[in-house]
Amino acid sequence: MDTTRWNVAVSAETDQSVRLFLATQGKSKKGSLSHFIEESVRAHILELTTAQSKAALAALNTAEVDDLIDDALSWAREH
């Protein structure tokens, strides 16, 4: 897997909290912080995307949502 380096700045409190958390989980080896950050970013993107999807679907009734799901499943099965 290709990687890209990020230079990020966080508060000293956040740095300490994350490193303490990783240490208590037995994940204090090299690469643990990068893995934790990548996992956290992916989870946050999923959370935001889910919230946006729920907001977009809020105006639809159940039958309309079911039709959208059926269409998506049919498309996925074909491809």
PDB file of N, CA and C in Angstrom:
ATOM      1  N   MET A   1       0.845  -1.175   0.000  1.00  0.00           N
ATOM      2  CA  MET A   1       0.000   0.000   0.000  1.00  0.00           C
ATOM      3  C   MET A   1       0.890   1.238   0.000  1.00  0.00           C
ATOM      4  N   ASP A   2       0.604   2.143  -0.903  1.00  0.00           N
ATOM      5  CA  ASP A   2       1.327   3.404  -0.945  1.00  0.00           C
ATOM      6  C   ASP A   2       0.920   4.257   0.252  1.00  0.00           C
ATOM      7  N   THR A   3       1.848   5.028   0.743  1.00  0.00           N
ATOM      8  CA  THR A   3       1.557   5.911   1.869  1.00  0.00           C
ATOM      9  C   THR A   3       1.938   7.329   1.515  1.00  0.00           C
ATOM     10  N   THR A   4       1.322   8.259   2.211  1.00  0.00           N
ATOM     11  CA  THR A   4       1.630   9.675   2.080  1.00  0.00           C
ATOM     12  C   THR A   4       1.925  10.203   3.465  1.00  0.00           C
ATOM     13  N   ARG A   5       2.944  10.997   3.579  1.00  0.00           N
ATOM     14  CA  ARG A   5       3.283  11.587   4.879  1.00  0.00           C
ATOM     15  C   ARG A   5       2.457  12.827   5.114  1.00  0.00           C
ATOM     16  N   TRP A   6       1.943  12.946   6.333  1.00  0.00           N
ATOM     17  CA  TRP A   6       1.224  14.138   6.776  1.00  0.00           C
ATOM     18  C   TRP A   6       2.035  14.783   7.879  1.00  0.00           C
ATOM     19  N   ASN A   7       2.079  16.080   7.872  1.00  0.00           N
ATOM     20  CA  ASN A   7       2.606  16.827   9.007  1.00  0.00           C
ATOM     21  C   ASN A   7       1.405  17.491   9.655  1.00  0.00           C
ATOM     22  N   VAL A   8       1.102  17.090  10.854  1.00  0.00           N
ATOM     23  CA  VAL A   8      -0.071  17.632  11.546  1.00  0.00           C
ATOM     24  C   VAL A   8       0.360  18.191  12.891  1.00  0.00           C
ATOM     25  N   ALA A   9      -0.410  19.139  13.359  1.00  0.00           N
ATOM     26  CA  ALA A   9      -0.154  19.720  14.676  1.00  0.00           C
ATOM     27  C   ALA A   9      -1.384  19.486  15.544  1.00  0.00           C
ATOM     28  N   VAL A  10      -1.162  18.952  16.718  1.00  0.00           N
ATOM     29  CA  VAL A  10      -2.241  18.748  17.685  1.00  0.00           C
ATOM     30  C   VAL A  10      -1.785  19.325  19.013  1.00  0.00           C
ATOM     31  N   SER A  11      -2.741  19.543  19.885  1.00  0.00           N
ATOM     32  CA  SER A  11      -2.386  20.076  21.199  1.00  0.00           C
ATOM     33  C   SER A  11      -1.570  19.044  21.976  1.00  0.00           C
ATOM     34  N   ALA A  12      -0.795  19.514  22.917  1.00  0.00           N
ATOM     35  CA  ALA A  12      -0.007  18.612  23.763  1.00  0.00           C
ATOM     36  C   ALA A  12      -0.930  17.671  24.537  1.00  0.00           C
ATOM     37  N   GLU A  13      -2.098  18.172  24.921  1.00  0.00           N
ATOM     38  CA  GLU A  13      -3.063  17.346  25.655  1.00  0.00           C
ATOM     39  C   GLU A  13      -3.576  16.189  24.787  1.00  0.00           C
ATOM     40  N   THR A  14      -3.878  16.488  23.528  1.00  0.00           N
ATOM     41  CA  THR A  14      -4.339  15.434  22.620  1.00  0.00           C
ATOM     42  C   THR A  14      -3.233  14.424  22.371  1.00  0.00           C
ATOM     43  N   ASP A  15      -2.029  14.898  22.142  1.00  0.00           N
ATOM     44  CA  ASP A  15      -0.889  14.013  21.931  1.00  0.00           C
ATOM     45  C   ASP A  15      -0.712  13.074  23.121  1.00  0.00           C
ATOM     46  N   GLN A  16      -0.739  13.619  24.298  1.00  0.00           N
ATOM     47  CA  GLN A  16      -0.552  12.812  25.502  1.00  0.00           C
ATOM     48  C   GLN A  16      -1.693  11.799  25.661  1.00  0.00           C
ATOM     49  N   SER A  17      -2.924  12.243  25.408  1.00  0.00           N
ATOM     50  CA  SER A  17      -4.079  11.347  25.544  1.00  0.00           C
ATOM     51  C   SER A  17      -3.997  10.173  24.570  1.00  0.00           C
ATOM     52  N   VAL A  18      -3.656  10.465  23.326  1.00  0.00           N
ATOM     53  CA  VAL A  18      -3.578   9.407  22.320  1.00  0.00           C
ATOM     54  C   VAL A  18      -2.456   8.437  22.648  1.00  0.00           C
ATOM     55  N   ARG A  19      -1.307   8.964  22.996  1.00  0.00           N
ATOM     56  CA  ARG A  19      -0.171   8.079  23.298  1.00  0.00           C
ATOM     57  C   ARG A  19      -0.437   7.237  24.544  1.00  0.00           C
ATOM     58  N   LEU A  20      -1.085   7.822  25.545  1.00  0.00           N
ATOM     59  CA  LEU A  20      -1.445   7.062  26.742  1.00  0.00           C
ATOM     60  C   LEU A  20      -2.456   5.971  26.391  1.00  0.00           C
ATOM     61  N   PHE A  21      -3.460   6.338  25.585  1.00  0.00           N
ATOM     62  CA  PHE A  21      -4.450   5.350  25.158  1.00  0.00           C
ATOM     63  C   PHE A  21      -3.778   4.196  24.422  1.00  0.00           C
ATOM     64  N   LEU A  22      -2.909   4.509  23.468  1.00  0.00           N
ATOM     65  CA  LEU A  22      -2.228   3.462  22.709  1.00  0.00           C
ATOM     66  C   LEU A  22      -1.384   2.577  23.620  1.00  0.00           C
ATOM     67  N   ALA A  23      -0.718   3.188  24.571  1.00  0.00           N
ATOM     68  CA  ALA A  23       0.113   2.421  25.507  1.00  0.00           C
ATOM     69  C   ALA A  23      -0.737   1.471  26.346  1.00  0.00           C
ATOM     70  N   THR A  24      -1.901   1.941  26.791  1.00  0.00           N
ATOM     71  CA  THR A  24      -2.762   1.077  27.609  1.00  0.00           C
ATOM     72  C   THR A  24      -3.372  -0.054  26.788  1.00  0.00           C
ATOM     73  N   GLN A  25      -3.391   0.107  25.471  1.00  0.00           N
ATOM     74  CA  GLN A  25      -3.907  -0.931  24.592  1.00  0.00           C
ATOM     75  C   GLN A  25      -2.803  -1.877  24.112  1.00  0.00           C
ATOM     76  N   GLY A  26      -1.591  -1.637  24.594  1.00  0.00           N
ATOM     77  CA  GLY A  26      -0.463  -2.459  24.180  1.00  0.00           C
ATOM     78  C   GLY A  26      -0.012  -2.164  22.757  1.00  0.00           C
ATOM     79  N   LYS A  27      -0.275  -0.963  22.313  1.00  0.00           N
ATOM     80  CA  LYS A  27       0.057  -0.587  20.931  1.00  0.00           C
ATOM     81  C   LYS A  27       1.046   0.576  20.929  1.00  0.00           C
ATOM     82  N   SER A  28       2.184   0.360  21.527  1.00  0.00           N
ATOM     83  CA  SER A  28       3.166   1.437  21.606  1.00  0.00           C
ATOM     84  C   SER A  28       4.349   1.207  20.669  1.00  0.00           C
ATOM     85  N   LYS A  29       4.192   0.297  19.713  1.00  0.00           N
ATOM     86  CA  LYS A  29       5.294   0.062  18.782  1.00  0.00           C
ATOM     87  C   LYS A  29       5.232   1.041  17.611  1.00  0.00           C
ATOM     88  N   LYS A  30       6.298   1.057  16.837  1.00  0.00           N
ATOM     89  CA  LYS A  30       6.394   1.974  15.697  1.00  0.00           C
ATOM     90  C   LYS A  30       5.237   1.729  14.732  1.00  0.00           C
ATOM     91  N   GLY A  31       4.605   2.799  14.280  1.00  0.00           N
ATOM     92  CA  GLY A  31       3.507   2.702  13.340  1.00  0.00           C
ATOM     93  C   GLY A  31       2.140   2.703  13.994  1.00  0.00           C
ATOM     94  N   SER A  32       2.086   2.520  15.307  1.00  0.00           N
ATOM     95  CA  SER A  32       0.799   2.472  16.004  1.00  0.00           C
ATOM     96  C   SER A  32       0.057   3.797  15.910  1.00  0.00           C
ATOM     97  N   LEU A  33       0.777   4.896  16.050  1.00  0.00           N
ATOM     98  CA  LEU A  33       0.138   6.206  15.979  1.00  0.00           C
ATOM     99  C   LEU A  33      -0.422   6.442  14.572  1.00  0.00           C
ATOM    100  N   SER A  34       0.344   6.120  13.554  1.00  0.00           N
ATOM    101  CA  SER A  34      -0.131   6.282  12.176  1.00  0.00           C
ATOM    102  C   SER A  34      -1.361   5.428  11.924  1.00  0.00           C
ATOM    103  N   HIS A  35      -1.330   4.190  12.391  1.00  0.00           N
ATOM    104  CA  HIS A  35      -2.478   3.297  12.215  1.00  0.00           C
ATOM    105  C   HIS A  35      -3.702   3.850  12.934  1.00  0.00           C
ATOM    106  N   PHE A  36      -3.506   4.340  14.150  1.00  0.00           N
ATOM    107  CA  PHE A  36      -4.613   4.901  14.920  1.00  0.00           C
ATOM    108  C   PHE A  36      -5.213   6.112  14.209  1.00  0.00           C
ATOM    109  N   ILE A  37      -4.368   6.987  13.691  1.00  0.00           N
ATOM    110  CA  ILE A  37      -4.850   8.183  12.996  1.00  0.00           C
ATOM    111  C   ILE A  37      -5.621   7.782  11.740  1.00  0.00           C
ATOM    112  N   GLU A  38      -5.081   6.867  10.954  1.00  0.00           N
ATOM    113  CA  GLU A  38      -5.767   6.450   9.733  1.00  0.00           C
ATOM    114  C   GLU A  38      -7.116   5.812  10.053  1.00  0.00           C
ATOM    115  N   GLU A  39      -7.146   4.950  11.051  1.00  0.00           N
ATOM    116  CA  GLU A  39      -8.398   4.307  11.466  1.00  0.00           C
ATOM    117  C   GLU A  39      -9.413   5.344  11.950  1.00  0.00           C
ATOM    118  N   SER A  40      -8.936   6.326  12.701  1.00  0.00           N
ATOM    119  CA  SER A  40      -9.816   7.376  13.218  1.00  0.00           C
ATOM    120  C   SER A  40     -10.382   8.246  12.108  1.00  0.00           C
ATOM    121  N   VAL A  41      -9.553   8.596  11.145  1.00  0.00           N
ATOM    122  CA  VAL A  41     -10.008   9.426  10.031  1.00  0.00           C
ATOM    123  C   VAL A  41     -11.049   8.670   9.209  1.00  0.00           C
ATOM    124  N   ARG A  42     -10.798   7.398   8.937  1.00  0.00           N
ATOM    125  CA  ARG A  42     -11.766   6.597   8.184  1.00  0.00           C
ATOM    126  C   ARG A  42     -13.094   6.492   8.926  1.00  0.00           C
ATOM    127  N   ALA A  43     -13.036   6.275  10.237  1.00  0.00           N
ATOM    128  CA  ALA A  43     -14.260   6.171  11.038  1.00  0.00           C
ATOM    129  C   ALA A  43     -15.028   7.489  11.026  1.00  0.00           C
ATOM    130  N   HIS A  44     -14.310   8.590  11.106  1.00  0.00           N
ATOM    131  CA  HIS A  44     -14.969   9.901  11.114  1.00  0.00           C
ATOM    132  C   HIS A  44     -15.611  10.196   9.756  1.00  0.00           C
ATOM    133  N   ILE A  45     -14.932   9.850   8.680  1.00  0.00           N
ATOM    134  CA  ILE A  45     -15.504  10.041   7.344  1.00  0.00           C
ATOM    135  C   ILE A  45     -16.775   9.206   7.202  1.00  0.00           C
ATOM    136  N   LEU A  46     -16.743   7.967   7.669  1.00  0.00           N
ATOM    137  CA  LEU A  46     -17.928   7.113   7.615  1.00  0.00           C
ATOM    138  C   LEU A  46     -19.069   7.717   8.429  1.00  0.00           C
ATOM    139  N   GLU A  47     -18.749   8.224   9.607  1.00  0.00           N
ATOM    140  CA  GLU A  47     -19.754   8.850  10.469  1.00  0.00           C
ATOM    141  C   GLU A  47     -20.391  10.065   9.789  1.00  0.00           C
ATOM    142  N   LEU A  48     -19.576  10.926   9.197  1.00  0.00           N
ATOM    143  CA  LEU A  48     -20.097  12.111   8.509  1.00  0.00           C
ATOM    144  C   LEU A  48     -20.926  11.739   7.283  1.00  0.00           C
ATOM    145  N   THR A  49     -20.447  10.764   6.525  1.00  0.00           N
ATOM    146  CA  THR A  49     -21.161  10.322   5.337  1.00  0.00           C
ATOM    147  C   THR A  49     -22.509   9.715   5.715  1.00  0.00           C
ATOM    148  N   THR A  50     -22.531   8.943   6.784  1.00  0.00           N
ATOM    149  CA  THR A  50     -23.777   8.348   7.257  1.00  0.00           C
ATOM    150  C   THR A  50     -24.766   9.429   7.677  1.00  0.00           C
ATOM    151  N   ALA A  51     -24.285  10.420   8.401  1.00  0.00           N
ATOM    152  CA  ALA A  51     -25.161  11.518   8.835  1.00  0.00           C
ATOM    153  C   ALA A  51     -25.716  12.279   7.636  1.00  0.00           C
ATOM    154  N   GLN A  52     -24.880  12.519   6.631  1.00  0.00           N
ATOM    155  CA  GLN A  52     -25.342  13.212   5.429  1.00  0.00           C
ATOM    156  C   GLN A  52     -26.384  12.379   4.687  1.00  0.00           C
ATOM    157  N   SER A  53     -26.154  11.086   4.610  1.00  0.00           N
ATOM    158  CA  SER A  53     -27.104  10.204   3.925  1.00  0.00           C
ATOM    159  C   SER A  53     -28.439  10.169   4.654  1.00  0.00           C
ATOM    160  N   LYS A  54     -28.388  10.075   5.973  1.00  0.00           N
ATOM    161  CA  LYS A  54     -29.624  10.071   6.760  1.00  0.00           C
ATOM    162  C   LYS A  54     -30.395  11.372   6.568  1.00  0.00           C
ATOM    163  N   ALA A  55     -29.680  12.481   6.539  1.00  0.00           N
ATOM    164  CA  ALA A  55     -30.336  13.778   6.340  1.00  0.00           C
ATOM    165  C   ALA A  55     -30.980  13.853   4.958  1.00  0.00           C
ATOM    166  N   ALA A  56     -30.290  13.329   3.955  1.00  0.00           N
ATOM    167  CA  ALA A  56     -30.824  13.363   2.594  1.00  0.00           C
ATOM    168  C   ALA A  56     -32.046  12.461   2.451  1.00  0.00           C
ATOM    169  N   LEU A  57     -32.084  11.367   3.206  1.00  0.00           N
ATOM    170  CA  LEU A  57     -33.191  10.423   3.113  1.00  0.00           C
ATOM    171  C   LEU A  57     -34.353  10.767   4.040  1.00  0.00           C
ATOM    172  N   ALA A  58     -34.164  11.715   4.916  1.00  0.00           N
ATOM    173  CA  ALA A  58     -35.183  12.038   5.919  1.00  0.00           C
ATOM    174  C   ALA A  58     -36.500  12.477   5.303  1.00  0.00           C
ATOM    175  N   ALA A  59     -36.443  13.107   4.146  1.00  0.00           N
ATOM    176  CA  ALA A  59     -37.662  13.618   3.513  1.00  0.00           C
ATOM    177  C   ALA A  59     -38.414  12.539   2.731  1.00  0.00           C
ATOM    178  N   LEU A  60     -37.800  11.368   2.571  1.00  0.00           N
ATOM    179  CA  LEU A  60     -38.426  10.297   1.797  1.00  0.00           C
ATOM    180  C   LEU A  60     -39.238   9.377   2.698  1.00  0.00           C
ATOM    181  N   ASN A  61     -40.259   8.774   2.124  1.00  0.00           N
ATOM    182  CA  ASN A  61     -41.010   7.789   2.902  1.00  0.00           C
ATOM    183  C   ASN A  61     -40.338   6.423   2.766  1.00  0.00           C
ATOM    184  N   THR A  62     -40.797   5.464   3.521  1.00  0.00           N
ATOM    185  CA  THR A  62     -40.172   4.142   3.560  1.00  0.00           C
ATOM    186  C   THR A  62     -40.157   3.466   2.196  1.00  0.00           C
ATOM    187  N   ALA A  63     -41.227   3.576   1.452  1.00  0.00           N
ATOM    188  CA  ALA A  63     -41.293   2.946   0.132  1.00  0.00           C
ATOM    189  C   ALA A  63     -40.253   3.541  -0.814  1.00  0.00           C
ATOM    190  N   GLU A  64     -40.061   4.853  -0.762  1.00  0.00           N
ATOM    191  CA  GLU A  64     -39.064   5.498  -1.618  1.00  0.00           C
ATOM    192  C   GLU A  64     -37.649   5.054  -1.248  1.00  0.00           C
ATOM    193  N   VAL A  65     -37.401   4.932   0.037  1.00  0.00           N
ATOM    194  CA  VAL A  65     -36.080   4.465   0.486  1.00  0.00           C
ATOM    195  C   VAL A  65     -35.869   3.022   0.048  1.00  0.00           C
ATOM    196  N   ASP A  66     -36.891   2.190   0.215  1.00  0.00           N
ATOM    197  CA  ASP A  66     -36.781   0.790  -0.215  1.00  0.00           C
ATOM    198  C   ASP A  66     -36.501   0.694  -1.715  1.00  0.00           C
ATOM    199  N   ASP A  67     -37.145   1.535  -2.509  1.00  0.00           N
ATOM    200  CA  ASP A  67     -36.903   1.547  -3.956  1.00  0.00           C
ATOM    201  C   ASP A  67     -35.461   1.933  -4.271  1.00  0.00           C
ATOM    202  N   LEU A  68     -34.940   2.933  -3.559  1.00  0.00           N
ATOM    203  CA  LEU A  68     -33.545   3.337  -3.763  1.00  0.00           C
ATOM    204  C   LEU A  68     -32.583   2.200  -3.415  1.00  0.00           C
ATOM    205  N   ILE A  69     -32.862   1.522  -2.326  1.00  0.00           N
ATOM    206  CA  ILE A  69     -32.010   0.398  -1.903  1.00  0.00           C
ATOM    207  C   ILE A  69     -32.074  -0.723  -2.936  1.00  0.00           C
ATOM    208  N   ASP A  70     -33.273  -1.040  -3.406  1.00  0.00           N
ATOM    209  CA  ASP A  70     -33.424  -2.082  -4.422  1.00  0.00           C
ATOM    210  C   ASP A  70     -32.663  -1.731  -5.690  1.00  0.00           C
ATOM    211  N   ASP A  71     -32.761  -0.476  -6.114  1.00  0.00           N
ATOM    212  CA  ASP A  71     -32.033  -0.030  -7.302  1.00  0.00           C
ATOM    213  C   ASP A  71     -30.526  -0.158  -7.103  1.00  0.00           C
ATOM    214  N   ALA A  72     -30.048   0.223  -5.938  1.00  0.00           N
ATOM    215  CA  ALA A  72     -28.608   0.144  -5.650  1.00  0.00           C
ATOM    216  C   ALA A  72     -28.137  -1.304  -5.620  1.00  0.00           C
ATOM    217  N   LEU A  73     -28.924  -2.172  -5.021  1.00  0.00           N
ATOM    218  CA  LEU A  73     -28.555  -3.589  -4.975  1.00  0.00           C
ATOM    219  C   LEU A  73     -28.545  -4.212  -6.370  1.00  0.00           C
ATOM    220  N   SER A  74     -29.531  -3.851  -7.180  1.00  0.00           N
ATOM    221  CA  SER A  74     -29.575  -4.361  -8.554  1.00  0.00           C
ATOM    222  C   SER A  74     -28.354  -3.898  -9.331  1.00  0.00           C
ATOM    223  N   TRP A  75     -28.001  -2.639  -9.187  1.00  0.00           N
ATOM    224  CA  TRP A  75     -26.815  -2.104  -9.862  1.00  0.00           C
ATOM    225  C   TRP A  75     -25.550  -2.844  -9.415  1.00  0.00           C
ATOM    226  N   ALA A  76     -25.432  -3.052  -8.100  1.00  0.00           N
ATOM    227  CA  ALA A  76     -24.242  -3.705  -7.544  1.00  0.00           C
ATOM    228  C   ALA A  76     -24.136  -5.154  -8.038  1.00  0.00           C
ATOM    229  N   ARG A  77     -25.257  -5.833  -8.133  1.00  0.00           N
ATOM    230  CA  ARG A  77     -25.234  -7.228  -8.600  1.00  0.00           C
ATOM    231  C   ARG A  77     -24.836  -7.314 -10.077  1.00  0.00           C
ATOM    232  N   GLU A  78     -25.224  -6.328 -10.856  1.00  0.00           N
ATOM    233  CA  GLU A  78     -24.895  -6.319 -12.283  1.00  0.00           C
ATOM    234  C   GLU A  78     -23.418  -5.986 -12.528  1.00  0.00           C
ATOM    235  N   HIS A  79     -22.849  -5.236 -11.616  1.00  0.00           N
ATOM    236  CA  HIS A  79     -21.456  -4.801 -11.813  1.00  0.00           C
ATOM    237  C   HIS A  79     -20.583  -5.552 -10.874  1.00  0.00           C
TER     238      HIS A  79
END
